[in-house]
Amino acid sequence: MDQKPHARRRLIVNREVQYDVLMYVGLFVMSLFMGQVAAGYLFVSQVEEVVGSMSAAEFLSRYKVSFLIYQTIPLAVCLLAGVFVFNRLTSRIAGPLYNARRVIRSIQEGTAKDPHIRLRENDYFKEEIDDINVILKKSG
């Protein structure tokens, strides 16, 4: 059978959104890793003189709680910062979609006074929403 080659899928649909998400995820993972490494190094440098000739089992039994606390603090800080950053990032994505849905529903219900989707200054999807606004203006 002679099959027609399929068009190649575009993996990058919206560069601004996808690159920003990848950047923030990369920074988040890197900050978690670097925080863990720094905390581990700080912990080891503080107990290095005391440890001396302890075996690994003795070291773990004596310092496991301290080590876990040293590892938990940077993890908690990074997770709190991550929640804040990703909340702001997702609101820049969800906000335009919510506004578009609200305007389209008001048009469907016949209650739209001004069928125009408004975005905040730093929202994503500005080009797409501008295209939708052109269509709404023509059909309005």
N, C-alpha and C. Protein backbone atom coordinates (compact mmCIF):
# COMPACT_ATOMS: atom_id res chain seq x y z
N MET A 1 0.83 -1.20 0.00
CA MET A 1 0.00 0.00 0.00
C MET A 1 0.87 1.25 0.00
N ASP A 2 0.44 2.19 -0.74
CA ASP A 2 1.15 3.45 -0.83
C ASP A 2 0.56 4.41 0.21
N GLN A 3 1.33 4.70 1.25
CA GLN A 3 0.84 5.61 2.28
C GLN A 3 1.44 6.99 2.11
N LYS A 4 0.62 7.95 2.38
CA LYS A 4 1.04 9.33 2.32
C LYS A 4 1.83 9.67 3.60
N PRO A 5 2.97 10.30 3.46
CA PRO A 5 3.71 10.65 4.68
C PRO A 5 2.93 11.69 5.49
N HIS A 6 2.92 11.49 6.77
CA HIS A 6 2.22 12.43 7.65
C HIS A 6 3.05 13.68 7.86
N ALA A 7 2.36 14.76 8.00
CA ALA A 7 3.06 16.01 8.30
C ALA A 7 3.68 15.89 9.68
N ARG A 8 4.85 16.41 9.84
CA ARG A 8 5.54 16.33 11.12
C ARG A 8 4.84 17.21 12.14
N ARG A 9 4.67 16.65 13.33
CA ARG A 9 4.05 17.43 14.39
C ARG A 9 4.98 18.51 14.88
N ARG A 10 4.43 19.62 15.20
CA ARG A 10 5.22 20.69 15.80
C ARG A 10 5.23 20.48 17.30
N LEU A 11 6.39 20.32 17.87
CA LEU A 11 6.48 20.12 19.31
C LEU A 11 6.42 21.45 20.06
N ILE A 12 6.85 22.50 19.43
CA ILE A 12 6.78 23.82 20.05
C ILE A 12 5.61 24.56 19.40
N VAL A 13 4.55 24.71 20.15
CA VAL A 13 3.35 25.36 19.64
C VAL A 13 3.37 26.85 19.98
N ASN A 14 3.69 27.15 21.21
CA ASN A 14 3.75 28.54 21.65
C ASN A 14 5.09 28.73 22.36
N ARG A 15 6.05 29.29 21.67
CA ARG A 15 7.42 29.39 22.19
C ARG A 15 7.47 30.11 23.53
N GLU A 16 6.77 31.21 23.64
CA GLU A 16 6.82 32.00 24.87
C GLU A 16 6.41 31.16 26.07
N VAL A 17 5.28 30.48 25.98
CA VAL A 17 4.77 29.70 27.10
C VAL A 17 5.65 28.49 27.36
N GLN A 18 5.95 27.72 26.34
CA GLN A 18 6.70 26.48 26.54
C GLN A 18 8.12 26.75 27.01
N TYR A 19 8.78 27.73 26.46
CA TYR A 19 10.14 28.03 26.89
C TYR A 19 10.16 28.55 28.33
N ASP A 20 9.19 29.39 28.69
CA ASP A 20 9.14 29.89 30.07
C ASP A 20 8.89 28.74 31.05
N VAL A 21 7.97 27.85 30.71
CA VAL A 21 7.68 26.72 31.60
C VAL A 21 8.92 25.85 31.74
N LEU A 22 9.58 25.55 30.63
CA LEU A 22 10.79 24.73 30.69
C LEU A 22 11.88 25.43 31.50
N MET A 23 12.02 26.74 31.34
CA MET A 23 13.02 27.48 32.08
C MET A 23 12.73 27.42 33.58
N TYR A 24 11.48 27.67 33.98
CA TYR A 24 11.14 27.66 35.39
C TYR A 24 11.27 26.26 35.99
N VAL A 25 10.88 25.23 35.26
CA VAL A 25 11.03 23.87 35.77
C VAL A 25 12.52 23.55 35.92
N GLY A 26 13.32 23.91 34.93
CA GLY A 26 14.76 23.68 35.02
C GLY A 26 15.39 24.41 36.20
N LEU A 27 15.03 25.67 36.39
CA LEU A 27 15.56 26.44 37.52
C LEU A 27 15.12 25.85 38.85
N PHE A 28 13.88 25.38 38.90
CA PHE A 28 13.36 24.79 40.13
C PHE A 28 14.12 23.52 40.48
N VAL A 29 14.29 22.64 39.51
CA VAL A 29 15.01 21.39 39.76
C VAL A 29 16.47 21.68 40.12
N MET A 30 17.09 22.63 39.41
CA MET A 30 18.47 22.98 39.70
C MET A 30 18.60 23.57 41.10
N SER A 31 17.65 24.41 41.51
CA SER A 31 17.72 25.00 42.85
C SER A 31 17.53 23.94 43.92
N LEU A 32 16.65 22.96 43.68
CA LEU A 32 16.51 21.87 44.63
C LEU A 32 17.83 21.11 44.77
N PHE A 33 18.43 20.77 43.64
CA PHE A 33 19.68 20.02 43.65
C PHE A 33 20.79 20.80 44.34
N MET A 34 20.95 22.07 43.97
CA MET A 34 22.03 22.88 44.55
C MET A 34 21.79 23.11 46.04
N GLY A 35 20.55 23.28 46.45
CA GLY A 35 20.25 23.42 47.87
C GLY A 35 20.60 22.17 48.65
N GLN A 36 20.29 21.02 48.08
CA GLN A 36 20.63 19.76 48.73
C GLN A 36 22.14 19.58 48.82
N VAL A 37 22.85 19.87 47.74
CA VAL A 37 24.31 19.74 47.74
C VAL A 37 24.93 20.69 48.76
N ALA A 38 24.47 21.93 48.78
CA ALA A 38 25.03 22.91 49.73
C ALA A 38 24.76 22.49 51.17
N ALA A 39 23.55 22.02 51.43
CA ALA A 39 23.22 21.58 52.80
C ALA A 39 24.04 20.37 53.19
N GLY A 40 24.21 19.44 52.28
CA GLY A 40 25.04 18.26 52.56
C GLY A 40 26.48 18.64 52.84
N TYR A 41 27.02 19.54 52.03
CA TYR A 41 28.39 19.99 52.21
C TYR A 41 28.55 20.70 53.54
N LEU A 42 27.61 21.56 53.88
CA LEU A 42 27.66 22.28 55.15
C LEU A 42 27.61 21.31 56.33
N PHE A 43 26.74 20.32 56.22
CA PHE A 43 26.62 19.34 57.29
C PHE A 43 27.91 18.54 57.45
N VAL A 44 28.45 18.04 56.35
CA VAL A 44 29.67 17.23 56.41
C VAL A 44 30.84 18.07 56.93
N SER A 45 30.92 19.32 56.51
CA SER A 45 32.03 20.17 56.98
C SER A 45 31.95 20.42 58.48
N GLN A 46 30.73 20.41 59.05
CA GLN A 46 30.60 20.65 60.48
C GLN A 46 30.90 19.41 61.32
N VAL A 47 30.62 18.23 60.78
CA VAL A 47 30.84 17.01 61.56
C VAL A 47 32.14 16.29 61.18
N GLU A 48 32.87 16.84 60.25
CA GLU A 48 34.07 16.18 59.73
C GLU A 48 35.10 15.89 60.83
N GLU A 49 35.34 16.83 61.70
CA GLU A 49 36.33 16.65 62.76
C GLU A 49 35.86 15.66 63.82
N VAL A 50 34.56 15.66 64.11
CA VAL A 50 34.01 14.81 65.14
C VAL A 50 33.94 13.36 64.69
N VAL A 51 33.66 13.15 63.42
CA VAL A 51 33.44 11.81 62.89
C VAL A 51 34.69 10.96 63.00
N GLY A 52 35.82 11.46 62.59
CA GLY A 52 37.08 10.73 62.68
C GLY A 52 37.03 9.38 62.01
N SER A 53 37.13 8.34 62.81
CA SER A 53 37.19 6.98 62.25
C SER A 53 35.90 6.20 62.44
N MET A 54 34.77 6.87 62.46
CA MET A 54 33.47 6.18 62.59
C MET A 54 33.16 5.38 61.33
N SER A 55 32.48 4.29 61.52
CA SER A 55 31.99 3.54 60.35
C SER A 55 30.74 4.23 59.83
N ALA A 56 30.33 3.86 58.64
CA ALA A 56 29.12 4.46 58.05
C ALA A 56 27.90 4.18 58.91
N ALA A 57 27.79 2.98 59.45
CA ALA A 57 26.64 2.63 60.29
C ALA A 57 26.61 3.49 61.55
N GLU A 58 27.77 3.70 62.18
CA GLU A 58 27.83 4.55 63.37
C GLU A 58 27.48 5.99 63.03
N PHE A 59 28.01 6.46 61.92
CA PHE A 59 27.72 7.83 61.48
C PHE A 59 26.22 8.02 61.27
N LEU A 60 25.59 7.10 60.57
CA LEU A 60 24.15 7.21 60.30
C LEU A 60 23.33 7.12 61.57
N SER A 61 23.69 6.21 62.47
CA SER A 61 22.91 6.08 63.70
C SER A 61 23.04 7.31 64.58
N ARG A 62 24.17 7.97 64.52
CA ARG A 62 24.40 9.13 65.39
C ARG A 62 23.87 10.44 64.78
N TYR A 63 24.01 10.61 63.46
CA TYR A 63 23.72 11.91 62.84
C TYR A 63 22.56 11.89 61.84
N LYS A 64 21.78 10.86 61.79
CA LYS A 64 20.73 10.80 60.76
C LYS A 64 19.68 11.89 60.94
N VAL A 65 19.27 12.20 62.17
CA VAL A 65 18.26 13.24 62.39
C VAL A 65 18.81 14.60 61.98
N SER A 66 20.03 14.89 62.38
CA SER A 66 20.64 16.17 62.00
C SER A 66 20.76 16.29 60.48
N PHE A 67 21.19 15.20 59.84
CA PHE A 67 21.34 15.21 58.39
C PHE A 67 19.99 15.43 57.71
N LEU A 68 18.94 14.77 58.19
CA LEU A 68 17.61 14.95 57.60
C LEU A 68 17.11 16.38 57.79
N ILE A 69 17.40 16.97 58.92
CA ILE A 69 16.99 18.37 59.14
C ILE A 69 17.74 19.29 58.18
N TYR A 70 19.04 19.06 58.03
CA TYR A 70 19.83 19.86 57.09
C TYR A 70 19.31 19.70 55.66
N GLN A 71 18.81 18.55 55.32
CA GLN A 71 18.30 18.32 53.97
C GLN A 71 16.87 18.84 53.80
N THR A 72 16.10 18.85 54.87
CA THR A 72 14.69 19.27 54.81
C THR A 72 14.55 20.78 54.66
N ILE A 73 15.41 21.53 55.30
CA ILE A 73 15.28 23.00 55.28
C ILE A 73 15.41 23.56 53.86
N PRO A 74 16.47 23.25 53.09
CA PRO A 74 16.51 23.81 51.73
C PRO A 74 15.40 23.25 50.84
N LEU A 75 15.01 22.02 51.09
CA LEU A 75 13.92 21.45 50.31
C LEU A 75 12.62 22.21 50.55
N ALA A 76 12.33 22.51 51.81
CA ALA A 76 11.11 23.25 52.15
C ALA A 76 11.14 24.66 51.57
N VAL A 77 12.29 25.32 51.65
CA VAL A 77 12.41 26.68 51.10
C VAL A 77 12.19 26.66 49.59
N CYS A 78 12.82 25.70 48.91
CA CYS A 78 12.67 25.60 47.45
C CYS A 78 11.23 25.25 47.07
N LEU A 79 10.60 24.38 47.82
CA LEU A 79 9.22 24.02 47.51
C LEU A 79 8.27 25.20 47.71
N LEU A 80 8.46 25.96 48.76
CA LEU A 80 7.63 27.15 48.97
C LEU A 80 7.84 28.18 47.86
N ALA A 81 9.09 28.40 47.50
CA ALA A 81 9.37 29.32 46.40
C ALA A 81 8.79 28.78 45.09
N GLY A 82 8.88 27.47 44.89
CA GLY A 82 8.32 26.85 43.69
C GLY A 82 6.82 27.00 43.61
N VAL A 83 6.13 26.83 44.72
CA VAL A 83 4.67 27.01 44.73
C VAL A 83 4.32 28.44 44.34
N PHE A 84 5.03 29.41 44.89
CA PHE A 84 4.77 30.82 44.56
C PHE A 84 5.02 31.09 43.07
N VAL A 85 6.19 30.66 42.57
CA VAL A 85 6.54 30.94 41.18
C VAL A 85 5.59 30.23 40.21
N PHE A 86 5.30 28.96 40.47
CA PHE A 86 4.43 28.22 39.55
C PHE A 86 2.98 28.68 39.64
N ASN A 87 2.56 29.20 40.80
CA ASN A 87 1.22 29.78 40.89
C ASN A 87 1.12 31.01 40.00
N ARG A 88 2.13 31.85 40.04
CA ARG A 88 2.13 33.04 39.18
C ARG A 88 2.20 32.66 37.71
N LEU A 89 3.02 31.67 37.40
CA LEU A 89 3.17 31.22 36.01
C LEU A 89 1.86 30.64 35.48
N THR A 90 1.23 29.78 36.25
CA THR A 90 -0.02 29.17 35.76
C THR A 90 -1.15 30.18 35.69
N SER A 91 -1.13 31.23 36.51
CA SER A 91 -2.18 32.24 36.39
C SER A 91 -2.02 33.04 35.10
N ARG A 92 -0.78 33.15 34.60
CA ARG A 92 -0.55 33.82 33.31
C ARG A 92 -1.06 32.97 32.15
N ILE A 93 -1.21 31.67 32.39
CA ILE A 93 -1.75 30.77 31.37
C ILE A 93 -3.25 30.63 31.52
N ALA A 94 -3.70 30.40 32.74
CA ALA A 94 -5.12 30.14 32.99
C ALA A 94 -5.98 31.41 32.86
N GLY A 95 -5.42 32.55 33.21
CA GLY A 95 -6.18 33.80 33.14
C GLY A 95 -6.74 34.10 31.76
N PRO A 96 -5.91 34.08 30.71
CA PRO A 96 -6.43 34.35 29.37
C PRO A 96 -7.47 33.31 28.93
N LEU A 97 -7.24 32.06 29.30
CA LEU A 97 -8.22 31.02 28.93
C LEU A 97 -9.55 31.25 29.64
N TYR A 98 -9.48 31.63 30.91
CA TYR A 98 -10.71 31.92 31.66
C TYR A 98 -11.45 33.11 31.05
N ASN A 99 -10.72 34.18 30.73
CA ASN A 99 -11.37 35.36 30.14
C ASN A 99 -11.99 35.05 28.77
N ALA A 100 -11.28 34.27 27.96
CA ALA A 100 -11.84 33.89 26.66
C ALA A 100 -13.10 33.07 26.84
N ARG A 101 -13.08 32.13 27.75
CA ARG A 101 -14.26 31.28 28.00
C ARG A 101 -15.44 32.12 28.50
N ARG A 102 -15.16 33.07 29.39
CA ARG A 102 -16.22 33.93 29.94
C ARG A 102 -16.88 34.77 28.84
N VAL A 103 -16.06 35.34 27.96
CA VAL A 103 -16.61 36.17 26.88
C VAL A 103 -17.38 35.32 25.88
N ILE A 104 -16.85 34.16 25.53
CA ILE A 104 -17.55 33.28 24.58
C ILE A 104 -18.88 32.80 25.15
N ARG A 105 -18.90 32.47 26.43
CA ARG A 105 -20.18 32.06 27.06
C ARG A 105 -21.19 33.21 27.07
N SER A 106 -20.72 34.42 27.33
CA SER A 106 -21.66 35.55 27.35
C SER A 106 -22.21 35.81 25.95
N ILE A 107 -21.40 35.54 24.92
CA ILE A 107 -21.90 35.66 23.54
C ILE A 107 -22.94 34.58 23.27
N GLN A 108 -22.67 33.37 23.70
CA GLN A 108 -23.62 32.27 23.51
C GLN A 108 -24.95 32.56 24.20
N GLU A 109 -24.88 33.12 25.39
CA GLU A 109 -26.09 33.41 26.16
C GLU A 109 -26.78 34.68 25.69
N GLY A 110 -26.11 35.45 24.86
CA GLY A 110 -26.68 36.70 24.36
C GLY A 110 -26.59 37.83 25.35
N THR A 111 -25.74 37.74 26.33
CA THR A 111 -25.61 38.78 27.36
C THR A 111 -24.35 39.63 27.19
N ALA A 112 -23.63 39.44 26.09
CA ALA A 112 -22.37 40.16 25.89
C ALA A 112 -22.64 41.60 25.49
N LYS A 113 -22.17 42.54 26.31
CA LYS A 113 -22.31 43.95 25.98
C LYS A 113 -21.13 44.40 25.13
N ASP A 114 -19.95 43.93 25.48
CA ASP A 114 -18.75 44.27 24.74
C ASP A 114 -17.95 42.98 24.52
N PRO A 115 -18.19 42.30 23.40
CA PRO A 115 -17.51 41.02 23.18
C PRO A 115 -16.03 41.20 22.84
N HIS A 116 -15.25 41.49 23.85
CA HIS A 116 -13.82 41.72 23.67
C HIS A 116 -13.10 41.06 24.85
N ILE A 117 -12.11 40.24 24.55
CA ILE A 117 -11.35 39.56 25.59
C ILE A 117 -10.20 40.46 26.00
N ARG A 118 -10.13 40.75 27.28
CA ARG A 118 -9.07 41.61 27.81
C ARG A 118 -8.06 40.77 28.57
N LEU A 119 -6.80 41.11 28.40
CA LEU A 119 -5.72 40.40 29.08
C LEU A 119 -4.93 41.36 29.96
N ARG A 120 -4.30 40.77 30.96
CA ARG A 120 -3.38 41.56 31.79
C ARG A 120 -2.08 41.77 30.99
N GLU A 121 -1.26 42.67 31.43
CA GLU A 121 -0.06 43.05 30.69
C GLU A 121 0.91 41.89 30.48
N ASN A 122 1.07 41.04 31.47
CA ASN A 122 2.06 39.97 31.36
C ASN A 122 1.46 38.60 31.05
N ASP A 123 0.21 38.54 30.61
CA ASP A 123 -0.44 37.27 30.27
C ASP A 123 0.16 36.68 29.00
N TYR A 124 0.05 35.36 28.90
CA TYR A 124 0.45 34.66 27.68
C TYR A 124 -0.72 34.66 26.69
N PHE A 125 -0.46 34.17 25.50
CA PHE A 125 -1.45 33.98 24.43
C PHE A 125 -2.01 35.30 23.88
N LYS A 126 -1.21 36.36 23.90
CA LYS A 126 -1.69 37.65 23.40
C LYS A 126 -2.02 37.60 21.91
N GLU A 127 -1.17 36.96 21.11
CA GLU A 127 -1.43 36.89 19.67
C GLU A 127 -2.70 36.09 19.39
N GLU A 128 -2.87 34.99 20.08
CA GLU A 128 -4.07 34.16 19.86
C GLU A 128 -5.34 34.90 20.27
N ILE A 129 -5.28 35.59 21.40
CA ILE A 129 -6.45 36.34 21.86
C ILE A 129 -6.72 37.53 20.94
N ASP A 130 -5.68 38.16 20.42
CA ASP A 130 -5.89 39.24 19.45
C ASP A 130 -6.61 38.72 18.21
N ASP A 131 -6.22 37.52 17.74
CA ASP A 131 -6.91 36.91 16.59
C ASP A 131 -8.37 36.63 16.89
N ILE A 132 -8.64 36.13 18.08
CA ILE A 132 -10.04 35.87 18.49
C ILE A 132 -10.82 37.18 18.59
N ASN A 133 -10.19 38.22 19.11
CA ASN A 133 -10.87 39.52 19.22
C ASN A 133 -11.21 40.09 17.84
N VAL A 134 -10.35 39.87 16.85
CA VAL A 134 -10.65 40.31 15.48
C VAL A 134 -11.90 39.60 14.97
N ILE A 135 -11.96 38.30 15.21
CA ILE A 135 -13.13 37.52 14.76
C ILE A 135 -14.39 38.01 15.50
N LEU A 136 -14.28 38.24 16.80
CA LEU A 136 -15.43 38.72 17.57
C LEU A 136 -15.89 40.09 17.08
N LYS A 137 -14.96 40.95 16.73
CA LYS A 137 -15.31 42.29 16.24
C LYS A 137 -16.04 42.21 14.90
N LYS A 138 -15.57 41.30 14.01
CA LYS A 138 -16.21 41.14 12.70
C LYS A 138 -17.62 40.56 12.82
N SER A 139 -17.79 39.62 13.76
CA SER A 139 -19.09 38.96 13.87
C SER A 139 -20.06 39.74 14.75
N GLY A 140 -19.52 40.72 15.48
CA GLY A 140 -20.33 41.46 16.45
C GLY A 140 -21.22 42.44 15.81
